[in-house]
Amino acid sequence: MKFTKYIHAVGTGPKGNRDLSYEESQDMMAQILNKNISNEEIAAFLLGWRLKPETVEEFRGALASCDALIKTKELTNSIELGYPFDGKAKNPYIFPLVAKVLKESDLSLVVMGDDMQPAKGGITIKDIAQNEDFSSNVHYFDRADYFKELHELTEIRNRVGLRSAFNTLEKLPHVTKSDYGITGVFHKPYVKKYVAIFAERYKRFALIQGNEGTPELFSKGRLWIAEQNGFEEFIIDPEHYGIHYKKSWDKITLQESLDQLQNPSDEYMKLARLNAAIFLFVTQKAISIDEAYEQLNG
């Protein structure tokens, strides 16, 4: 179909807009990723689509076109961590410490990175990967290698400078065919949508009210585990485990983030063990977070 029809579908206003079918969304995304259309058409569609807004069926169709182009490398006993590609701005990453805690548990952490995408302007996974020596159970994948078509849209996205559907689609590329996946959400209404889009890709799929939209818990929040007919909710409070880590509210530098990883405080290491316990629970290596945390501190 001519791409202008897709632009008209999302860009004519509330009375004229319509949702795309699965097949239309699949074709639309294929045209964008293969750059069969101009940059102006891509930008116009992404803006209109965001404002319409996107439906689950549209996300699923678009994801199918992404899957057709992603280069995968199967990795057993792994959990895919769905981080936002616009980085973390106010707090350091914790997954490298979590991996060290999990070194003896036979669980690998899969993380993906690329150049910074809009719109937060934070420190990216790629920034950390280029400056930190990960333990052997961290498997980092650069998008320029596994999904160059989306990587090559970075300039267009940064020129637009706003969040788009890609900020959701890119989080969980299933690059290692992991049985388990987890990503962060800000608000509970997004849980149902994310489950509908991504859950069927995994044996067990989880969402968490993570710090800055990441799958990292820094303060009291909720964990959701996708079930056949919905999801189960758990409330997790670090203070229950004697953890009193204070989040930052100020923007930090890359060096400050790296310093936290290389010289972690006692409270930060306790928080790393709690996050490790959550991953063990999600991957069914423990029957509860409490049990997993106790094992990791035993």
C-alpha atoms as a PDB file:
ATOM      1  CA  MET A   1       0.000   0.000   0.000  1.00  0.00           C
ATOM      2  CA  LYS A   2       1.174   3.564  -0.645  1.00  0.00           C
ATOM      3  CA  PHE A   3       2.615   5.004   2.531  1.00  0.00           C
ATOM      4  CA  THR A   4       0.592   8.214   2.215  1.00  0.00           C
ATOM      5  CA  LYS A   5      -2.510   6.187   3.115  1.00  0.00           C
ATOM      6  CA  TYR A   6      -0.911   5.316   6.443  1.00  0.00           C
ATOM      7  CA  ILE A   7      -0.070   8.954   7.100  1.00  0.00           C
ATOM      8  CA  HIS A   8      -3.673   9.910   6.346  1.00  0.00           C
ATOM      9  CA  ALA A   9      -4.873   7.196   8.741  1.00  0.00           C
ATOM     10  CA  VAL A  10      -3.044   8.729  11.701  1.00  0.00           C
ATOM     11  CA  GLY A  11      -2.681  12.375  10.724  1.00  0.00           C
ATOM     12  CA  THR A  12      -6.089  13.758   9.726  1.00  0.00           C
ATOM     13  CA  GLY A  13      -7.430  14.448  13.224  1.00  0.00           C
ATOM     14  CA  PRO A  14      -9.839  12.750  15.639  1.00  0.00           C
ATOM     15  CA  LYS A  15     -12.701  12.529  13.139  1.00  0.00           C
ATOM     16  CA  GLY A  16     -10.641  11.201  10.227  1.00  0.00           C
ATOM     17  CA  ASN A  17      -8.077   9.025  11.981  1.00  0.00           C
ATOM     18  CA  ARG A  18      -8.467   5.251  12.020  1.00  0.00           C
ATOM     19  CA  ASP A  19      -6.576   2.321  13.467  1.00  0.00           C
ATOM     20  CA  LEU A  20      -4.413   0.220  11.171  1.00  0.00           C
ATOM     21  CA  SER A  21      -4.987  -3.513  10.854  1.00  0.00           C
ATOM     22  CA  TYR A  22      -2.293  -6.013  11.817  1.00  0.00           C
ATOM     23  CA  GLU A  23      -1.369  -6.475   8.139  1.00  0.00           C
ATOM     24  CA  GLU A  24      -1.279  -2.734   7.487  1.00  0.00           C
ATOM     25  CA  SER A  25       0.928  -2.165  10.522  1.00  0.00           C
ATOM     26  CA  GLN A  26       3.253  -4.922   9.382  1.00  0.00           C
ATOM     27  CA  ASP A  27       3.542  -3.334   5.924  1.00  0.00           C
ATOM     28  CA  MET A  28       3.918   0.167   7.366  1.00  0.00           C
ATOM     29  CA  MET A  29       6.807  -0.868   9.606  1.00  0.00           C
ATOM     30  CA  ALA A  30       8.509  -2.838   6.823  1.00  0.00           C
ATOM     31  CA  GLN A  31       8.454   0.272   4.625  1.00  0.00           C
ATOM     32  CA  ILE A  32       9.943   2.387   7.422  1.00  0.00           C
ATOM     33  CA  LEU A  33      12.673  -0.099   8.343  1.00  0.00           C
ATOM     34  CA  ASN A  34      13.662  -0.727   4.731  1.00  0.00           C
ATOM     35  CA  LYS A  35      13.590   3.059   4.121  1.00  0.00           C
ATOM     36  CA  ASN A  36      11.426   2.710   1.035  1.00  0.00           C
ATOM     37  CA  ILE A  37      10.045   6.139   1.892  1.00  0.00           C
ATOM     38  CA  SER A  38      11.473   9.565   2.699  1.00  0.00           C
ATOM     39  CA  ASN A  39      12.637  10.745   6.111  1.00  0.00           C
ATOM     40  CA  GLU A  40       9.853  13.322   6.079  1.00  0.00           C
ATOM     41  CA  GLU A  41       7.220  10.609   5.615  1.00  0.00           C
ATOM     42  CA  ILE A  42       8.717   8.567   8.457  1.00  0.00           C
ATOM     43  CA  ALA A  43       8.725  11.555  10.813  1.00  0.00           C
ATOM     44  CA  ALA A  44       5.177  12.571   9.860  1.00  0.00           C
ATOM     45  CA  PHE A  45       3.820   9.087  10.467  1.00  0.00           C
ATOM     46  CA  LEU A  46       5.593   8.572  13.807  1.00  0.00           C
ATOM     47  CA  LEU A  47       4.255  11.869  15.151  1.00  0.00           C
ATOM     48  CA  GLY A  48       0.706  11.164  13.981  1.00  0.00           C
ATOM     49  CA  TRP A  49       0.782   7.599  15.229  1.00  0.00           C
ATOM     50  CA  ARG A  50       1.911   8.716  18.671  1.00  0.00           C
ATOM     51  CA  LEU A  51      -0.888  11.276  18.929  1.00  0.00           C
ATOM     52  CA  LYS A  52      -3.642   8.954  17.615  1.00  0.00           C
ATOM     53  CA  PRO A  53      -2.448   6.822  19.692  1.00  0.00           C
ATOM     54  CA  GLU A  54      -1.104   3.327  18.879  1.00  0.00           C
ATOM     55  CA  THR A  55      -3.188   0.178  19.475  1.00  0.00           C
ATOM     56  CA  VAL A  56      -2.057  -3.249  20.639  1.00  0.00           C
ATOM     57  CA  GLU A  57      -2.889  -4.718  17.219  1.00  0.00           C
ATOM     58  CA  GLU A  58      -0.750  -2.057  15.528  1.00  0.00           C
ATOM     59  CA  PHE A  59       2.140  -2.739  17.886  1.00  0.00           C
ATOM     60  CA  ARG A  60       1.895  -6.477  17.208  1.00  0.00           C
ATOM     61  CA  GLY A  61       1.905  -6.002  13.442  1.00  0.00           C
ATOM     62  CA  ALA A  62       4.853  -3.602  13.622  1.00  0.00           C
ATOM     63  CA  LEU A  63       6.713  -6.002  15.907  1.00  0.00           C
ATOM     64  CA  ALA A  64       6.314  -8.796  13.356  1.00  0.00           C
ATOM     65  CA  SER A  65       8.226  -6.717  10.790  1.00  0.00           C
ATOM     66  CA  CYS A  66      10.929  -6.006  13.355  1.00  0.00           C
ATOM     67  CA  ASP A  67      11.245  -9.707  14.167  1.00  0.00           C
ATOM     68  CA  ALA A  68      11.760 -10.514  10.491  1.00  0.00           C
ATOM     69  CA  LEU A  69      14.922  -8.398  10.412  1.00  0.00           C
ATOM     70  CA  ILE A  70      16.472  -9.008  13.849  1.00  0.00           C
ATOM     71  CA  LYS A  71      19.502 -11.310  13.925  1.00  0.00           C
ATOM     72  CA  THR A  72      19.088 -13.695  16.846  1.00  0.00           C
ATOM     73  CA  LYS A  73      21.508 -15.846  18.831  1.00  0.00           C
ATOM     74  CA  GLU A  74      19.849 -18.351  21.140  1.00  0.00           C
ATOM     75  CA  LEU A  75      21.017 -18.342  24.759  1.00  0.00           C
ATOM     76  CA  THR A  76      19.581 -20.799  27.273  1.00  0.00           C
ATOM     77  CA  ASN A  77      19.189 -20.046  30.997  1.00  0.00           C
ATOM     78  CA  SER A  78      18.854 -16.342  30.297  1.00  0.00           C
ATOM     79  CA  ILE A  79      16.531 -13.448  31.047  1.00  0.00           C
ATOM     80  CA  GLU A  80      16.137 -10.550  28.634  1.00  0.00           C
ATOM     81  CA  LEU A  81      16.181  -7.173  30.379  1.00  0.00           C
ATOM     82  CA  GLY A  82      14.143  -4.562  28.521  1.00  0.00           C
ATOM     83  CA  TYR A  83      15.801  -1.193  29.139  1.00  0.00           C
ATOM     84  CA  PRO A  84      14.699   2.092  27.564  1.00  0.00           C
ATOM     85  CA  PHE A  85      17.125   3.303  24.913  1.00  0.00           C
ATOM     86  CA  ASP A  86      17.010   6.904  26.155  1.00  0.00           C
ATOM     87  CA  GLY A  87      19.063   5.932  29.192  1.00  0.00           C
ATOM     88  CA  LYS A  88      19.013   6.728  32.899  1.00  0.00           C
ATOM     89  CA  ALA A  89      19.473  10.357  33.916  1.00  0.00           C
ATOM     90  CA  LYS A  90      19.329  10.484  37.717  1.00  0.00           C
ATOM     91  CA  ASN A  91      20.556   7.144  39.044  1.00  0.00           C
ATOM     92  CA  PRO A  92      23.286   4.621  38.207  1.00  0.00           C
ATOM     93  CA  TYR A  93      22.655   1.237  36.639  1.00  0.00           C
ATOM     94  CA  ILE A  94      22.676  -1.787  38.905  1.00  0.00           C
ATOM     95  CA  PHE A  95      22.528  -4.777  36.525  1.00  0.00           C
ATOM     96  CA  PRO A  96      26.345  -5.307  36.417  1.00  0.00           C
ATOM     97  CA  LEU A  97      26.309  -5.812  40.203  1.00  0.00           C
ATOM     98  CA  VAL A  98      23.208  -8.010  39.954  1.00  0.00           C
ATOM     99  CA  ALA A  99      25.072 -10.204  37.468  1.00  0.00           C
ATOM    100  CA  LYS A 100      27.953 -10.637  39.895  1.00  0.00           C
ATOM    101  CA  VAL A 101      25.533 -11.662  42.635  1.00  0.00           C
ATOM    102  CA  LEU A 102      24.005 -14.208  40.232  1.00  0.00           C
ATOM    103  CA  LYS A 103      27.326 -15.562  38.972  1.00  0.00           C
ATOM    104  CA  GLU A 104      26.832 -18.938  40.708  1.00  0.00           C
ATOM    105  CA  SER A 105      23.142 -19.286  39.861  1.00  0.00           C
ATOM    106  CA  ASP A 106      23.487 -20.334  36.209  1.00  0.00           C
ATOM    107  CA  LEU A 107      21.451 -17.356  34.991  1.00  0.00           C
ATOM    108  CA  SER A 108      22.627 -15.015  32.244  1.00  0.00           C
ATOM    109  CA  LEU A 109      21.439 -11.420  31.858  1.00  0.00           C
ATOM    110  CA  VAL A 110      20.788 -10.199  28.321  1.00  0.00           C
ATOM    111  CA  VAL A 111      21.004  -6.443  27.687  1.00  0.00           C
ATOM    112  CA  MET A 112      20.806  -4.451  24.457  1.00  0.00           C
ATOM    113  CA  GLY A 113      22.195  -1.036  23.624  1.00  0.00           C
ATOM    114  CA  ASP A 114      22.586   1.606  20.945  1.00  0.00           C
ATOM    115  CA  ASP A 115      23.331   5.294  20.576  1.00  0.00           C
ATOM    116  CA  MET A 116      21.028   7.457  22.661  1.00  0.00           C
ATOM    117  CA  GLN A 117      17.447   7.729  21.448  1.00  0.00           C
ATOM    118  CA  PRO A 118      14.967  10.471  22.382  1.00  0.00           C
ATOM    119  CA  ALA A 119      13.829  11.820  24.715  1.00  0.00           C
ATOM    120  CA  LYS A 120      15.326  11.592  28.237  1.00  0.00           C
ATOM    121  CA  GLY A 121      18.974  12.314  27.418  1.00  0.00           C
ATOM    122  CA  GLY A 122      20.338   9.886  29.988  1.00  0.00           C
ATOM    123  CA  ILE A 123      23.294   7.511  30.265  1.00  0.00           C
ATOM    124  CA  THR A 124      22.710   4.540  27.967  1.00  0.00           C
ATOM    125  CA  ILE A 125      23.409   0.834  28.289  1.00  0.00           C
ATOM    126  CA  LYS A 126      25.931   1.292  25.474  1.00  0.00           C
ATOM    127  CA  ASP A 127      27.753   3.954  27.513  1.00  0.00           C
ATOM    128  CA  ILE A 128      28.090   1.470  30.367  1.00  0.00           C
ATOM    129  CA  ALA A 129      29.112  -1.401  28.075  1.00  0.00           C
ATOM    130  CA  GLN A 130      31.912   0.693  26.586  1.00  0.00           C
ATOM    131  CA  ASN A 131      33.313   1.632  29.987  1.00  0.00           C
ATOM    132  CA  GLU A 132      32.657  -1.289  32.314  1.00  0.00           C
ATOM    133  CA  ASP A 133      34.005  -4.852  32.333  1.00  0.00           C
ATOM    134  CA  PHE A 134      30.943  -7.056  32.687  1.00  0.00           C
ATOM    135  CA  SER A 135      31.025 -10.441  34.373  1.00  0.00           C
ATOM    136  CA  SER A 136      30.762 -13.439  32.053  1.00  0.00           C
ATOM    137  CA  ASN A 137      27.033 -13.896  32.666  1.00  0.00           C
ATOM    138  CA  VAL A 138      26.193 -10.510  31.117  1.00  0.00           C
ATOM    139  CA  HIS A 139      25.581 -10.744  27.377  1.00  0.00           C
ATOM    140  CA  TYR A 140      25.525  -7.354  25.673  1.00  0.00           C
ATOM    141  CA  PHE A 141      24.144  -6.940  22.157  1.00  0.00           C
ATOM    142  CA  ASP A 142      24.696  -3.792  20.132  1.00  0.00           C
ATOM    143  CA  ARG A 143      21.763  -2.901  17.905  1.00  0.00           C
ATOM    144  CA  ALA A 144      24.044  -1.864  15.058  1.00  0.00           C
ATOM    145  CA  ASP A 145      24.842  -5.575  14.811  1.00  0.00           C
ATOM    146  CA  TYR A 146      21.522  -7.307  15.522  1.00  0.00           C
ATOM    147  CA  PHE A 147      19.065  -4.779  14.032  1.00  0.00           C
ATOM    148  CA  LYS A 148      20.878  -2.294  11.816  1.00  0.00           C
ATOM    149  CA  GLU A 149      17.673  -1.112  10.147  1.00  0.00           C
ATOM    150  CA  LEU A 150      16.381   0.384  13.400  1.00  0.00           C
ATOM    151  CA  HIS A 151      19.849   1.582  14.404  1.00  0.00           C
ATOM    152  CA  GLU A 152      20.011   3.576  11.157  1.00  0.00           C
ATOM    153  CA  LEU A 153      16.832   5.462  12.111  1.00  0.00           C
ATOM    154  CA  THR A 154      18.594   7.044  15.105  1.00  0.00           C
ATOM    155  CA  GLU A 155      19.303  10.338  13.332  1.00  0.00           C
ATOM    156  CA  ILE A 156      15.688  10.763  12.203  1.00  0.00           C
ATOM    157  CA  ARG A 157      14.372   9.990  15.675  1.00  0.00           C
ATOM    158  CA  ASN A 158      16.741  12.442  17.330  1.00  0.00           C
ATOM    159  CA  ARG A 159      15.818  15.162  14.858  1.00  0.00           C
ATOM    160  CA  VAL A 160      12.167  14.713  15.795  1.00  0.00           C
ATOM    161  CA  GLY A 161      13.287  14.690  19.424  1.00  0.00           C
ATOM    162  CA  LEU A 162      10.130  13.091  20.859  1.00  0.00           C
ATOM    163  CA  ARG A 163       9.147   9.650  22.072  1.00  0.00           C
ATOM    164  CA  SER A 164       7.532   7.428  19.464  1.00  0.00           C
ATOM    165  CA  ALA A 165       6.207   3.886  19.180  1.00  0.00           C
ATOM    166  CA  PHE A 166       9.800   2.742  18.756  1.00  0.00           C
ATOM    167  CA  ASN A 167      10.452   3.514  22.432  1.00  0.00           C
ATOM    168  CA  THR A 168       8.072   0.654  23.247  1.00  0.00           C
ATOM    169  CA  LEU A 169       8.871  -1.730  20.394  1.00  0.00           C
ATOM    170  CA  GLU A 170      12.633  -1.646  20.850  1.00  0.00           C
ATOM    171  CA  LYS A 171      12.755  -2.683  24.500  1.00  0.00           C
ATOM    172  CA  LEU A 172      12.352  -6.428  23.990  1.00  0.00           C
ATOM    173  CA  PRO A 173      13.754  -7.644  20.645  1.00  0.00           C
ATOM    174  CA  HIS A 174      13.974 -11.271  21.881  1.00  0.00           C
ATOM    175  CA  VAL A 175      17.455 -11.353  20.412  1.00  0.00           C
ATOM    176  CA  THR A 176      18.506 -14.450  22.401  1.00  0.00           C
ATOM    177  CA  LYS A 177      15.134 -16.245  22.330  1.00  0.00           C
ATOM    178  CA  SER A 178      15.214 -16.161  26.126  1.00  0.00           C
ATOM    179  CA  ASP A 179      12.459 -18.014  27.962  1.00  0.00           C
ATOM    180  CA  TYR A 180      12.144 -15.114  30.376  1.00  0.00           C
ATOM    181  CA  GLY A 181      11.791 -11.377  29.911  1.00  0.00           C
ATOM    182  CA  ILE A 182      11.261  -8.353  32.141  1.00  0.00           C
ATOM    183  CA  THR A 183      10.877  -4.660  31.453  1.00  0.00           C
ATOM    184  CA  GLY A 184       9.923  -1.545  33.362  1.00  0.00           C
ATOM    185  CA  VAL A 185       6.670   0.408  33.311  1.00  0.00           C
ATOM    186  CA  PHE A 186       5.791   3.734  34.899  1.00  0.00           C
ATOM    187  CA  HIS A 187       2.074   3.252  35.422  1.00  0.00           C
ATOM    188  CA  LYS A 188      -0.228   0.257  35.971  1.00  0.00           C
ATOM    189  CA  PRO A 189      -2.451   0.977  32.895  1.00  0.00           C
ATOM    190  CA  TYR A 190       0.512   0.113  30.670  1.00  0.00           C
ATOM    191  CA  VAL A 191       0.827  -3.359  32.195  1.00  0.00           C
ATOM    192  CA  LYS A 192      -2.126  -4.808  30.300  1.00  0.00           C
ATOM    193  CA  LYS A 193      -0.880  -3.334  27.021  1.00  0.00           C
ATOM    194  CA  TYR A 194       2.679  -4.633  27.457  1.00  0.00           C
ATOM    195  CA  VAL A 195       1.403  -8.091  28.381  1.00  0.00           C
ATOM    196  CA  ALA A 196      -0.756  -8.152  25.238  1.00  0.00           C
ATOM    197  CA  ILE A 197       2.184  -7.087  23.043  1.00  0.00           C
ATOM    198  CA  PHE A 198       5.073  -9.104  24.461  1.00  0.00           C
ATOM    199  CA  ALA A 199       4.004 -11.902  26.823  1.00  0.00           C
ATOM    200  CA  GLU A 200       3.494 -14.638  24.239  1.00  0.00           C
ATOM    201  CA  ARG A 201       7.176 -14.371  23.257  1.00  0.00           C
ATOM    202  CA  TYR A 202       8.277 -15.779  26.613  1.00  0.00           C
ATOM    203  CA  LYS A 203       7.708 -18.742  28.880  1.00  0.00           C
ATOM    204  CA  ARG A 204       7.308 -16.184  31.680  1.00  0.00           C
ATOM    205  CA  PHE A 205       7.066 -12.433  31.249  1.00  0.00           C
ATOM    206  CA  ALA A 206       7.267  -9.795  33.979  1.00  0.00           C
ATOM    207  CA  LEU A 207       6.908  -6.057  34.373  1.00  0.00           C
ATOM    208  CA  ILE A 208       8.127  -3.932  37.243  1.00  0.00           C
ATOM    209  CA  GLN A 209       7.757  -0.359  38.464  1.00  0.00           C
ATOM    210  CA  GLY A 210      11.452   0.107  37.918  1.00  0.00           C
ATOM    211  CA  ASN A 211      13.678   3.124  38.377  1.00  0.00           C
ATOM    212  CA  GLU A 212      13.370   5.531  35.425  1.00  0.00           C
ATOM    213  CA  GLY A 213      11.404   2.985  33.419  1.00  0.00           C
ATOM    214  CA  THR A 214      14.069   0.283  33.725  1.00  0.00           C
ATOM    215  CA  PRO A 215      13.705  -3.277  35.064  1.00  0.00           C
ATOM    216  CA  GLU A 216      15.654  -2.181  38.174  1.00  0.00           C
ATOM    217  CA  LEU A 217      13.834  -1.747  41.505  1.00  0.00           C
ATOM    218  CA  PHE A 218      15.217   1.084  43.659  1.00  0.00           C
ATOM    219  CA  SER A 219      12.239   1.799  45.935  1.00  0.00           C
ATOM    220  CA  LYS A 220       8.859   0.344  46.893  1.00  0.00           C
ATOM    221  CA  GLY A 221       7.014  -0.772  43.782  1.00  0.00           C
ATOM    222  CA  ARG A 222       5.005  -3.486  42.069  1.00  0.00           C
ATOM    223  CA  LEU A 223       6.000  -6.550  40.079  1.00  0.00           C
ATOM    224  CA  TRP A 224       3.554  -8.129  37.642  1.00  0.00           C
ATOM    225  CA  ILE A 225       3.891 -11.664  36.288  1.00  0.00           C
ATOM    226  CA  ALA A 226       1.900 -12.417  33.136  1.00  0.00           C
ATOM    227  CA  GLU A 227      -0.551 -15.273  33.504  1.00  0.00           C
ATOM    228  CA  GLN A 228      -2.796 -17.042  30.988  1.00  0.00           C
ATOM    229  CA  ASN A 229      -5.793 -14.874  31.852  1.00  0.00           C
ATOM    230  CA  GLY A 230      -4.099 -11.678  32.998  1.00  0.00           C
ATOM    231  CA  PHE A 231      -1.316 -11.048  35.498  1.00  0.00           C
ATOM    232  CA  GLU A 232      -0.430 -11.554  39.163  1.00  0.00           C
ATOM    233  CA  GLU A 233       0.715  -8.558  41.187  1.00  0.00           C
ATOM    234  CA  PHE A 234       3.339  -8.456  43.952  1.00  0.00           C
ATOM    235  CA  ILE A 235       4.327  -5.465  46.099  1.00  0.00           C
ATOM    236  CA  ILE A 236       8.059  -5.235  46.861  1.00  0.00           C
ATOM    237  CA  ASP A 237       9.458  -2.882  49.495  1.00  0.00           C
ATOM    238  CA  PRO A 238      13.252  -2.732  49.950  1.00  0.00           C
ATOM    239  CA  GLU A 239      12.744  -1.623  53.560  1.00  0.00           C
ATOM    240  CA  HIS A 240      11.168  -5.031  54.240  1.00  0.00           C
ATOM    241  CA  TYR A 241      14.656  -6.449  53.571  1.00  0.00           C
ATOM    242  CA  GLY A 242      16.438  -3.822  55.665  1.00  0.00           C
ATOM    243  CA  ILE A 243      17.527  -1.802  52.626  1.00  0.00           C
ATOM    244  CA  HIS A 244      17.585   1.974  52.979  1.00  0.00           C
ATOM    245  CA  TYR A 245      19.113   3.141  49.708  1.00  0.00           C
ATOM    246  CA  LYS A 246      18.284   6.753  48.829  1.00  0.00           C
ATOM    247  CA  LYS A 247      17.527   7.493  45.181  1.00  0.00           C
ATOM    248  CA  SER A 248      19.103  10.493  43.518  1.00  0.00           C
ATOM    249  CA  TRP A 249      16.911  13.298  42.212  1.00  0.00           C
ATOM    250  CA  ASP A 250      19.741  15.129  40.459  1.00  0.00           C
ATOM    251  CA  LYS A 251      21.222  14.383  37.064  1.00  0.00           C
ATOM    252  CA  ILE A 252      24.397  12.312  37.329  1.00  0.00           C
ATOM    253  CA  THR A 253      27.384  11.921  35.035  1.00  0.00           C
ATOM    254  CA  LEU A 254      28.651   8.757  33.386  1.00  0.00           C
ATOM    255  CA  GLN A 255      31.661   8.756  35.700  1.00  0.00           C
ATOM    256  CA  GLU A 256      29.451   8.991  38.776  1.00  0.00           C
ATOM    257  CA  SER A 257      27.438   6.035  37.502  1.00  0.00           C
ATOM    258  CA  LEU A 258      30.597   4.015  36.894  1.00  0.00           C
ATOM    259  CA  ASP A 259      31.962   4.916  40.349  1.00  0.00           C
ATOM    260  CA  GLN A 260      28.848   3.413  41.960  1.00  0.00           C
ATOM    261  CA  LEU A 261      29.466   0.175  40.088  1.00  0.00           C
ATOM    262  CA  GLN A 262      33.170   0.015  40.842  1.00  0.00           C
ATOM    263  CA  ASN A 263      32.901   1.066  44.502  1.00  0.00           C
ATOM    264  CA  PRO A 264      29.352   0.213  45.574  1.00  0.00           C
ATOM    265  CA  SER A 265      28.127   1.125  49.030  1.00  0.00           C
ATOM    266  CA  ASP A 266      26.798  -1.560  51.379  1.00  0.00           C
ATOM    267  CA  GLU A 267      23.220  -0.373  50.753  1.00  0.00           C
ATOM    268  CA  TYR A 268      23.721  -0.487  46.994  1.00  0.00           C
ATOM    269  CA  MET A 269      24.959  -4.066  47.185  1.00  0.00           C
ATOM    270  CA  LYS A 270      21.920  -4.996  49.295  1.00  0.00           C
ATOM    271  CA  LEU A 271      19.757  -3.467  46.570  1.00  0.00           C
ATOM    272  CA  ALA A 272      21.665  -5.478  43.956  1.00  0.00           C
ATOM    273  CA  ARG A 273      20.903  -8.677  45.868  1.00  0.00           C
ATOM    274  CA  LEU A 274      17.209  -7.772  46.033  1.00  0.00           C
ATOM    275  CA  ASN A 275      17.104  -7.209  42.273  1.00  0.00           C
ATOM    276  CA  ALA A 276      18.922 -10.517  41.803  1.00  0.00           C
ATOM    277  CA  ALA A 277      16.291 -12.207  43.965  1.00  0.00           C
ATOM    278  CA  ILE A 278      13.545 -10.731  41.789  1.00  0.00           C
ATOM    279  CA  PHE A 279      15.197 -12.170  38.672  1.00  0.00           C
ATOM    280  CA  LEU A 280      15.512 -15.599  40.315  1.00  0.00           C
ATOM    281  CA  PHE A 281      11.809 -15.504  41.143  1.00  0.00           C
ATOM    282  CA  VAL A 282      10.823 -14.404  37.641  1.00  0.00           C
ATOM    283  CA  THR A 283      12.943 -17.183  36.088  1.00  0.00           C
ATOM    284  CA  GLN A 284      11.414 -19.793  38.414  1.00  0.00           C
ATOM    285  CA  LYS A 285      14.681 -20.537  40.189  1.00  0.00           C
ATOM    286  CA  ALA A 286      13.022 -19.648  43.513  1.00  0.00           C
ATOM    287  CA  ILE A 287       9.442 -20.002  44.730  1.00  0.00           C
ATOM    288  CA  SER A 288       9.422 -16.495  46.202  1.00  0.00           C
ATOM    289  CA  ILE A 289      11.483 -13.314  46.345  1.00  0.00           C
ATOM    290  CA  ASP A 290      11.942 -13.814  50.092  1.00  0.00           C
ATOM    291  CA  GLU A 291      13.390 -17.292  49.541  1.00  0.00           C
ATOM    292  CA  ALA A 292      15.712 -16.064  46.809  1.00  0.00           C
ATOM    293  CA  TYR A 293      16.934 -13.115  48.881  1.00  0.00           C
ATOM    294  CA  GLU A 294      17.633 -15.387  51.822  1.00  0.00           C
ATOM    295  CA  GLN A 295      19.614 -17.771  49.588  1.00  0.00           C
ATOM    296  CA  LEU A 296      21.696 -14.905  48.194  1.00  0.00           C
ATOM    297  CA  ASN A 297      22.512 -13.702  51.695  1.00  0.00           C
ATOM    298  CA  GLY A 298      23.167 -17.164  53.106  1.00  0.00           C
END
